[in-house]
Protein backbone atom coordinates (compact mmCIF):
# COMPACT_ATOMS: atom_id res chain seq x y z
CA MET A 1 3.54 3.25 7.60
CA ILE A 2 3.22 7.04 7.91
CA GLU A 3 -0.02 8.76 8.83
CA ILE A 4 -0.13 12.51 8.24
CA ASP A 5 -3.32 13.97 9.66
CA ARG A 6 -4.49 17.54 9.01
CA VAL A 7 -1.00 19.01 9.07
CA THR A 8 -0.81 22.79 8.69
CA LYS A 9 2.32 24.91 8.67
CA VAL A 10 2.19 28.69 8.84
CA PHE A 11 5.36 30.76 8.56
CA GLY A 12 5.30 34.28 9.97
CA SER A 13 2.35 35.91 11.70
CA ALA A 14 -0.50 38.36 11.16
CA ALA A 15 -0.30 40.14 7.78
CA ASP A 16 3.02 38.46 6.92
CA ALA A 17 1.75 34.92 7.55
CA PHE A 18 2.30 32.36 4.80
CA ARG A 19 0.44 29.04 4.86
CA ALA A 20 2.95 26.57 3.41
CA LEU A 21 0.82 23.53 4.28
CA ASP A 22 -2.95 23.69 4.48
CA THR A 23 -4.62 20.82 6.37
CA VAL A 24 -2.70 18.05 4.59
CA SER A 25 -3.76 14.46 5.25
CA VAL A 26 -2.19 11.43 3.59
CA THR A 27 -1.30 7.82 4.38
CA ILE A 28 2.00 6.43 3.07
CA ARG A 29 2.15 2.65 2.91
CA GLN A 30 4.87 0.29 4.04
CA ASN A 31 7.54 -0.58 1.42
CA GLU A 32 6.11 2.03 -0.95
CA PHE A 33 7.84 4.44 -3.31
CA PHE A 34 5.70 7.50 -2.63
CA THR A 35 6.30 10.78 -4.45
CA LEU A 36 5.31 14.33 -3.54
CA LEU A 37 5.05 16.14 -6.87
CA GLY A 38 4.34 19.78 -7.56
CA PRO A 39 5.68 23.16 -8.67
CA SER A 40 8.15 25.21 -6.65
CA GLY A 41 6.57 26.62 -3.50
CA CYS A 42 3.72 24.09 -3.37
CA GLY A 43 4.72 22.76 0.08
CA LYS A 44 6.22 19.39 -0.86
CA THR A 45 9.65 20.01 0.71
CA THR A 46 8.04 21.54 3.81
CA LEU A 47 6.00 18.36 4.25
CA LEU A 48 9.13 16.24 3.86
CA ARG A 49 10.92 18.36 6.48
CA VAL A 50 7.98 17.92 8.86
CA ILE A 51 8.39 14.13 8.59
CA ALA A 52 12.15 14.47 9.12
CA GLY A 53 11.71 16.74 12.15
CA PHE A 54 13.42 19.79 10.68
CA VAL A 55 10.14 21.77 10.68
CA ASP A 56 7.49 21.71 13.41
CA PRO A 57 3.91 21.87 12.09
CA THR A 58 1.57 24.56 13.36
CA GLU A 59 -1.23 22.00 13.66
CA GLY A 60 -1.81 18.32 12.97
CA SER A 61 -0.12 15.01 13.73
CA VAL A 62 2.44 12.71 12.11
CA THR A 63 2.81 9.07 13.19
CA LEU A 64 5.07 6.27 11.97
CA GLU A 65 3.64 2.81 12.62
CA GLY A 66 1.53 4.38 15.36
CA GLN A 67 4.43 6.21 17.02
CA ASP A 68 4.05 9.99 17.42
CA LEU A 69 6.97 11.43 15.46
CA LEU A 70 6.37 14.98 16.63
CA ARG A 71 7.50 14.00 20.14
CA LEU A 72 10.88 12.84 18.81
CA ALA A 73 13.92 14.92 17.90
CA PRO A 74 15.17 14.50 14.31
CA TYR A 75 18.03 12.21 15.37
CA GLU A 76 15.60 10.00 17.31
CA ARG A 77 13.37 9.33 14.31
CA PRO A 78 13.89 6.11 12.31
CA VAL A 79 14.23 8.09 9.10
CA ASN A 80 17.15 9.33 7.00
CA THR A 81 17.24 12.12 4.43
CA VAL A 82 19.10 12.56 1.14
CA PHE A 83 19.26 16.21 0.08
CA GLN A 84 19.93 17.95 -3.24
CA SER A 85 23.44 18.64 -1.95
CA TYR A 86 24.96 15.27 -1.12
CA ALA A 87 27.08 16.75 1.74
CA LEU A 88 29.82 14.13 1.42
CA PHE A 89 33.18 14.48 3.15
CA PRO A 90 35.66 15.12 0.29
CA HIS A 91 38.71 14.12 2.37
CA MET A 92 37.20 10.71 3.14
CA THR A 93 36.98 7.65 0.93
CA VAL A 94 33.73 6.25 -0.39
CA ALA A 95 33.76 3.51 2.27
CA GLN A 96 34.52 5.98 5.07
CA ASN A 97 31.63 8.21 4.00
CA ILE A 98 29.21 5.28 4.00
CA GLY A 99 30.35 4.08 7.41
CA PHE A 100 30.48 7.51 9.06
CA GLY A 101 26.93 7.48 10.42
CA LEU A 102 27.30 3.96 11.79
CA GLU A 103 30.50 4.95 13.60
CA MET A 104 28.74 7.97 15.11
CA GLN A 105 26.11 5.55 16.44
CA GLY A 106 28.86 3.58 18.15
CA LYS A 107 28.41 0.42 16.09
CA PRO A 108 31.17 -2.23 16.49
CA GLY A 109 33.92 -2.08 13.88
CA GLU A 110 33.13 -5.47 12.39
CA GLU A 111 29.45 -4.52 11.95
CA VAL A 112 30.45 -1.24 10.29
CA ARG A 113 32.76 -3.03 7.85
CA ARG A 114 30.16 -5.67 7.03
CA THR A 115 27.40 -3.09 6.49
CA VAL A 116 29.64 -0.86 4.37
CA GLY A 117 30.49 -3.86 2.18
CA GLU A 118 26.79 -4.66 1.77
CA MET A 119 25.99 -1.06 0.85
CA LEU A 120 28.85 -0.91 -1.66
CA ASP A 121 27.48 -4.03 -3.33
CA LEU A 122 23.94 -2.60 -3.26
CA VAL A 123 24.93 0.59 -5.09
CA ARG A 124 27.47 -1.27 -7.27
CA MET A 125 30.53 0.69 -6.15
CA SER A 126 32.74 -1.93 -4.48
CA GLU A 127 35.62 -1.20 -6.85
CA LEU A 128 35.60 2.48 -5.75
CA ALA A 129 35.60 1.84 -1.98
CA ASP A 130 39.02 3.41 -1.45
CA ARG A 131 38.53 6.36 -3.80
CA ARG A 132 37.97 9.79 -2.27
CA THR A 133 34.55 11.25 -3.03
CA SER A 134 36.21 14.33 -4.52
CA GLU A 135 37.64 12.03 -7.20
CA ILE A 136 34.40 10.43 -8.43
CA SER A 137 31.61 11.62 -10.74
CA GLY A 138 28.35 13.30 -9.75
CA GLY A 139 26.33 10.16 -10.33
CA GLN A 140 28.75 8.13 -8.22
CA GLN A 141 28.56 10.73 -5.45
CA GLN A 142 24.80 10.45 -5.54
CA ARG A 143 25.02 6.68 -5.03
CA VAL A 144 27.45 7.18 -2.11
CA ALA A 145 24.95 9.56 -0.48
CA LEU A 146 22.21 6.96 -0.93
CA ALA A 147 24.38 4.18 0.50
CA ARG A 148 25.29 6.32 3.52
CA ALA A 149 21.60 7.06 4.17
CA LEU A 150 20.61 3.39 3.76
CA ALA A 151 23.43 1.97 5.90
CA PRO A 152 21.67 2.48 9.28
CA ARG A 153 18.63 0.63 7.84
CA PRO A 154 16.07 3.42 8.40
CA ARG A 155 12.40 2.49 8.25
CA VAL A 156 11.83 5.48 5.92
CA LEU A 157 14.17 7.22 3.47
CA LEU A 158 13.30 10.81 2.56
CA LEU A 159 14.69 12.14 -0.73
CA ASP A 160 14.55 15.86 -1.50
CA GLU A 161 15.09 16.24 -5.28
CA PRO A 162 18.36 14.27 -5.15
CA LEU A 163 18.64 13.97 -8.95
CA SER A 164 18.28 17.65 -9.82
CA ALA A 165 22.05 18.27 -10.19
CA LEU A 166 22.62 15.40 -12.63
CA ASP A 167 22.67 15.67 -16.41
CA PHE A 168 19.77 14.28 -18.44
CA LYS A 169 21.13 10.82 -19.31
CA LEU A 170 22.55 10.20 -15.84
CA ARG A 171 19.30 11.34 -14.26
CA LYS A 172 17.39 8.79 -16.37
CA ASP A 173 19.79 6.04 -15.28
CA MET A 174 19.48 7.01 -11.62
CA GLN A 175 15.68 6.93 -11.78
CA LEU A 176 15.87 3.21 -12.51
CA GLU A 177 18.62 2.78 -9.92
CA LEU A 178 16.53 4.40 -7.18
CA LYS A 179 13.55 2.17 -7.97
CA ARG A 180 15.82 -0.89 -7.85
CA LEU A 181 17.26 0.16 -4.47
CA GLN A 182 13.80 0.69 -3.02
CA SER A 183 12.62 -2.69 -4.27
CA GLU A 184 15.68 -4.56 -3.00
CA THR A 185 15.79 -2.92 0.45
CA GLY A 186 12.03 -2.89 1.11
CA ILE A 187 12.41 0.53 2.76
CA THR A 188 9.64 3.09 2.34
CA PHE A 189 10.88 5.90 0.08
CA VAL A 190 9.28 9.35 0.19
CA PHE A 191 10.55 11.29 -2.81
CA VAL A 192 10.13 15.01 -3.55
CA THR A 193 10.34 16.34 -7.10
CA HIS A 194 8.91 18.90 -9.50
CA ASP A 195 9.82 16.65 -12.44
CA GLN A 196 6.73 14.79 -13.65
CA GLU A 197 8.78 12.25 -15.61
CA GLU A 198 10.71 11.27 -12.48
CA ALA A 199 7.44 10.82 -10.61
CA LEU A 200 5.81 8.73 -13.34
CA THR A 201 8.92 6.56 -13.80
CA MET A 202 9.63 5.58 -10.21
CA SER A 203 6.53 5.92 -8.06
CA ASP A 204 4.06 3.40 -6.74
CA ARG A 205 1.80 6.34 -5.90
CA ILE A 206 1.99 10.10 -6.45
CA ALA A 207 0.54 12.97 -4.45
CA VAL A 208 0.19 16.06 -6.64
CA MET A 209 0.47 19.23 -4.54
CA ASN A 210 -0.35 22.86 -5.18
CA ALA A 211 -0.62 25.89 -2.88
CA GLY A 212 0.07 23.82 0.24
CA ALA A 213 -2.60 21.20 -0.43
CA ILE A 214 -2.77 17.75 -2.01
CA ARG A 215 -4.89 17.90 -5.14
CA GLN A 216 -4.89 14.20 -6.08
CA ILE A 217 -3.31 10.92 -4.97
CA GLY A 218 -3.04 7.85 -7.15
CA SER A 219 -0.84 5.54 -9.18
CA PRO A 220 1.12 7.11 -12.05
CA ARG A 221 -1.38 5.68 -14.54
CA ASP A 222 -4.37 6.96 -12.54
CA ILE A 223 -2.89 10.43 -12.23
CA TYR A 224 -2.03 10.61 -15.93
CA ASP A 225 -5.11 8.97 -17.43
CA HIS A 226 -7.71 10.18 -14.91
CA PRO A 227 -6.75 13.63 -13.59
CA ALA A 228 -9.33 14.86 -11.12
CA GLU A 229 -9.02 18.56 -11.92
CA ARG A 230 -7.57 20.99 -14.41
CA PHE A 231 -4.42 21.76 -12.41
CA VAL A 232 -3.45 18.08 -12.25
CA ALA A 233 -4.14 17.51 -15.95
CA ASP A 234 -2.11 20.60 -16.86
CA PHE A 235 0.84 19.81 -14.58
CA ILE A 236 1.18 16.13 -15.52
CA GLY A 237 2.12 15.83 -19.16
CA ASP A 238 0.84 17.80 -22.15
CA THR A 239 -2.90 18.30 -22.37
CA ASN A 240 -5.41 19.91 -24.69
CA PHE A 241 -8.30 21.69 -22.98
CA LEU A 242 -11.62 22.03 -24.76
CA GLU A 243 -14.50 24.14 -23.54
CA ALA A 244 -17.74 22.18 -23.68
CA GLU A 245 -21.30 21.93 -22.39
CA LEU A 246 -22.06 19.03 -20.07
CA LEU A 247 -25.31 17.41 -21.15
CA THR A 248 -25.64 14.28 -18.98
CA VAL A 249 -23.62 12.32 -16.43
CA GLU A 250 -24.21 8.68 -15.56
CA GLY A 251 -21.58 7.14 -13.31
CA GLU A 252 -18.20 7.58 -14.98
CA ARG A 253 -19.71 8.38 -18.38
CA ALA A 254 -20.67 11.84 -19.55
CA GLU A 255 -22.13 13.32 -22.71
CA VAL A 256 -20.80 16.74 -23.73
CA ARG A 257 -21.29 19.17 -26.60
CA LEU A 258 -18.06 20.64 -27.98
CA ALA A 259 -17.71 24.18 -29.26
CA SER A 260 -17.78 22.74 -32.79
CA GLY A 261 -21.33 21.53 -32.08
CA ARG A 262 -20.44 17.84 -32.06
CA GLU A 263 -21.71 15.75 -29.14
CA ILE A 264 -19.32 13.10 -27.76
CA ALA A 265 -18.99 10.64 -24.90
CA ALA A 266 -16.32 11.47 -22.30
CA ARG A 267 -15.15 10.19 -18.93
CA ALA A 268 -16.57 11.93 -15.88
CA ALA A 269 -14.19 12.83 -13.07
CA GLU A 270 -14.98 11.48 -9.62
CA GLY A 271 -17.45 13.82 -7.95
CA GLY A 272 -18.13 15.49 -11.30
CA ALA A 273 -20.32 18.55 -11.65
CA GLY A 274 -23.87 18.74 -12.92
CA GLN A 275 -24.97 20.20 -16.23
CA GLY A 276 -23.36 23.35 -17.58
CA PRO A 277 -20.01 24.58 -18.92
CA VAL A 278 -17.07 22.21 -18.32
CA THR A 279 -13.53 21.62 -19.54
CA VAL A 280 -12.63 18.42 -21.40
CA ALA A 281 -8.99 17.29 -21.38
CA VAL A 282 -7.55 15.24 -24.25
CA ARG A 283 -3.93 14.04 -24.29
CA PRO A 284 -2.08 14.81 -27.58
CA GLU A 285 -1.15 11.14 -28.12
CA HIS A 286 -4.81 10.07 -27.81
CA ALA A 287 -5.89 12.11 -30.85
CA ASP A 288 -5.09 11.95 -34.55
CA LEU A 289 -5.45 14.02 -37.72
CA ALA A 290 -8.19 13.30 -40.23
CA PRO A 291 -9.13 14.82 -43.57
CA GLU A 292 -11.37 17.87 -43.29
CA GLY A 293 -14.96 16.85 -42.62
CA GLU A 294 -14.12 13.45 -41.12
CA GLY A 295 -13.15 14.43 -37.56
CA LEU A 296 -14.64 16.21 -34.57
CA LEU A 297 -12.75 19.51 -34.62
CA PRO A 298 -12.07 21.19 -37.99
CA GLY A 299 -9.19 23.60 -38.33
CA ARG A 300 -6.05 24.62 -40.15
CA LEU A 301 -2.64 23.06 -39.58
CA GLY A 302 -0.12 25.45 -38.06
CA ASP A 303 3.28 24.40 -36.73
CA VAL A 304 4.58 20.89 -37.42
CA VAL A 305 7.38 20.17 -34.93
CA TYR A 306 9.68 17.15 -35.34
CA PHE A 307 11.06 15.73 -32.04
CA GLY A 308 12.83 12.62 -33.32
CA THR A 309 10.68 10.07 -31.48
CA ASP A 310 7.46 11.83 -32.46
CA THR A 311 5.99 14.80 -34.32
CA HIS A 312 3.65 17.42 -32.86
CA PHE A 313 0.96 18.87 -35.12
CA HIS A 314 -0.48 22.20 -33.94
CA VAL A 315 -4.01 22.72 -35.26
CA ASP A 316 -5.70 26.13 -35.10
CA LEU A 317 -9.33 25.17 -34.52
CA ASP A 318 -12.17 26.91 -36.36
CA ALA A 319 -14.05 27.14 -33.05
CA GLY A 320 -11.08 28.90 -31.42
CA GLY A 321 -7.98 27.75 -29.61
CA ARG A 322 -5.17 25.41 -30.59
CA PHE A 323 -5.07 21.62 -30.37
CA VAL A 324 -1.83 19.59 -30.42
CA VAL A 325 -1.76 16.08 -31.89
CA ARG A 326 1.27 13.90 -31.13
CA ARG A 327 2.15 11.09 -33.51
CA GLN A 328 4.97 8.57 -33.03
CA ASN A 329 7.44 8.59 -35.91
CA GLN A 330 8.26 5.58 -38.05
CA PRO A 331 11.51 4.96 -39.98
CA ASP A 332 11.75 6.96 -43.23
CA GLN A 333 8.25 8.31 -42.69
CA ALA A 334 7.34 11.16 -45.05
CA GLU A 335 4.87 13.76 -43.82
CA ALA A 336 2.27 14.64 -46.43
CA ARG A 337 0.67 17.51 -44.51
CA GLY A 338 2.11 20.97 -44.01
CA ARG A 339 1.33 24.41 -42.59
CA GLY A 340 -1.92 25.84 -43.86
CA ASP A 341 -3.58 22.55 -44.79
CA ARG A 342 -7.20 22.07 -43.82
CA VAL A 343 -7.52 19.13 -41.40
CA SER A 344 -9.74 17.84 -38.63
CA VAL A 345 -8.90 16.43 -35.20
CA ARG A 346 -10.46 13.13 -34.23
CA PHE A 347 -10.43 10.98 -31.11
CA GLY A 348 -12.53 8.09 -29.91
CA PRO A 349 -15.45 8.06 -27.45
CA GLY A 350 -14.38 8.11 -23.82
CA VAL A 351 -10.95 9.58 -24.60
CA GLY A 352 -11.78 13.03 -23.22
CA GLN A 353 -11.85 13.60 -19.44
CA VAL A 354 -14.38 16.01 -17.95
CA LEU A 355 -12.54 18.08 -15.33
CA ARG A 356 -13.38 20.09 -12.27
CA ASP A 357 -11.83 23.58 -12.27
């Protein structure tokens, strides 16, 4: 659907130059919910604005179904954008806001009314059609902004952190709502966020960005279970990092020696390094506590933090560093271990992921 080829964007010049995008290439598929995920300043919003036409790239090309987008003005591109600020007209009703863009395009009145009715049904707001947008909640305003952007039937909808202003519960509800809208309309969504949970919940594929470059692209499960490098593993979810010595690599299987002296099997990242020092990532929920002497990493239990759904056990390892084990809680479960107890961390073969730096 969208082909971004070696796009670079440099702001400023000479000593003041800042490279916001650094030779970015990515293909976004038709009818896909594609997310650009990364920390503030990584370039994700700049890339979105390049697609929209609000920023001209310094180098590179952007095509939509083979059409050169860079030759088109923003209003000529078959894309719409939903921003963090919904920019609704407070003096207009919900229906008038949704139909505004269609009226500006000169669509016949009957077509505008029919499309507005369809959009109201789509976002489940038909009963609020005559309510002014200044009189509805933040979540309802967000749905009006989505309906207004979807009404002209764009081929691509760009969303720049549209859920950031919502409270936690409403944001969770809207994550499911956005995925439903994308599925029902069949429109390609390109979503920008720094929230990893949003990305994992809604996306068909995720591009993790840092310092103006894409570090990894994959499905939510691929990104979470098979991070290609330390930055991705650290940014997506909670991760324990263990220093180790890489002994052998055969395909996707590696043998490593941990600082404790134990040798274990681990997964090798694509394009993994040869022998030598490496980092092994282990997710907290993929490990467990064992009695001292029965696990891989002996240590002493530090903080035990109760989160309601689960408990985090912080283990100060004898070999140095801290390892967090996450265990899901059960009803009326009593915890037998406490701070200062001698324990050991254990996890199965192939759980650890050997990472590139």
